Protein backbone atom coordinates (compact mmCIF):
# COMPACT_ATOMS: atom_id res chain seq x y z
CA MET A 1 3.96 0.22 20.14
CA ILE A 2 6.61 -0.58 17.54
CA TYR A 3 6.23 0.81 14.01
CA TYR A 4 8.14 1.62 10.82
CA GLU A 5 7.79 4.80 8.82
CA ILE A 6 7.59 3.93 5.13
CA LEU A 7 7.53 6.15 2.05
CA CYS A 8 4.48 5.68 -0.18
CA TYR A 9 5.53 5.11 -3.79
CA SER A 10 2.38 6.77 -5.16
CA CYS A 11 1.95 10.01 -3.17
CA LYS A 12 5.52 10.17 -1.75
CA LYS A 13 4.29 10.75 1.82
CA THR A 14 5.50 8.79 4.83
CA PHE A 15 3.06 6.61 6.71
CA LYS A 16 3.35 4.38 9.75
CA VAL A 17 3.07 0.60 9.70
CA TYR A 18 2.40 -0.84 13.14
CA GLU A 19 3.55 -4.15 14.57
CA GLY A 20 1.10 -6.96 13.96
CA SER A 21 -0.16 -5.75 10.58
CA LEU A 22 0.45 -7.53 7.29
CA LEU A 23 2.43 -4.60 5.84
CA TYR A 24 4.70 -4.62 8.91
CA LYS A 25 5.49 -8.27 8.37
CA GLN A 26 6.08 -7.78 4.64
CA PHE A 27 8.32 -4.77 5.23
CA LYS A 28 10.35 -6.59 7.84
CA GLU A 29 10.93 -9.56 5.53
CA ARG A 30 11.66 -7.62 2.31
CA LYS A 31 12.74 -4.02 2.68
CA SER A 32 13.27 -3.56 -1.06
CA ARG A 33 9.58 -4.11 -1.82
CA ILE A 34 7.37 -1.20 -2.93
CA PHE A 35 4.63 -0.10 -0.51
CA CYS A 36 1.73 2.35 -0.66
CA CYS A 37 -0.44 3.95 2.02
CA ASP A 38 -4.06 2.98 2.65
CA ASP A 39 -5.49 5.93 0.71
CA CYS A 40 -3.42 5.25 -2.40
CA SER A 41 -4.04 1.52 -2.12
CA HIS A 42 -7.78 2.14 -2.10
CA LYS A 43 -7.56 4.50 -5.11
CA ILE A 44 -5.48 2.01 -7.10
CA ARG A 45 -7.90 -0.79 -6.30
CA MET A 46 -10.96 1.27 -7.34
CA ASP A 47 -9.28 2.29 -10.61
CA ALA A 48 -8.51 -1.35 -11.36
CA ILE A 49 -12.12 -2.38 -10.68
CA LYS A 50 -13.47 0.43 -12.89
CA ASN A 51 -11.15 -0.52 -15.74
CA PHE A 52 -12.05 -4.20 -15.41
CA PHE A 53 -15.76 -3.51 -15.81
CA ARG A 54 -15.10 -1.10 -18.67
CA TYR A 55 -13.62 -3.92 -20.77
CA LEU A 56 -16.49 -6.34 -20.05
CA LYS A 57 -18.92 -4.31 -22.14
C-alpha cells in the first residue's frame, strides 16, 4: 500500500497517510499545507468545541 510520512505540526511526530484517504489527496495536491495527526486533530477539535460553549454562557 502506498503512503506518505508527514510531520505533525502540533506534536512534531511523523505519521503515515495512506492512499485513498482525504489527507493523502490533500498532501499530494499541496505539499506546503500544514497537517496534523489524528490525535492532535481530535484534541484541537475538542478544545475548539469547549471554547465555543464557554462563550455562549
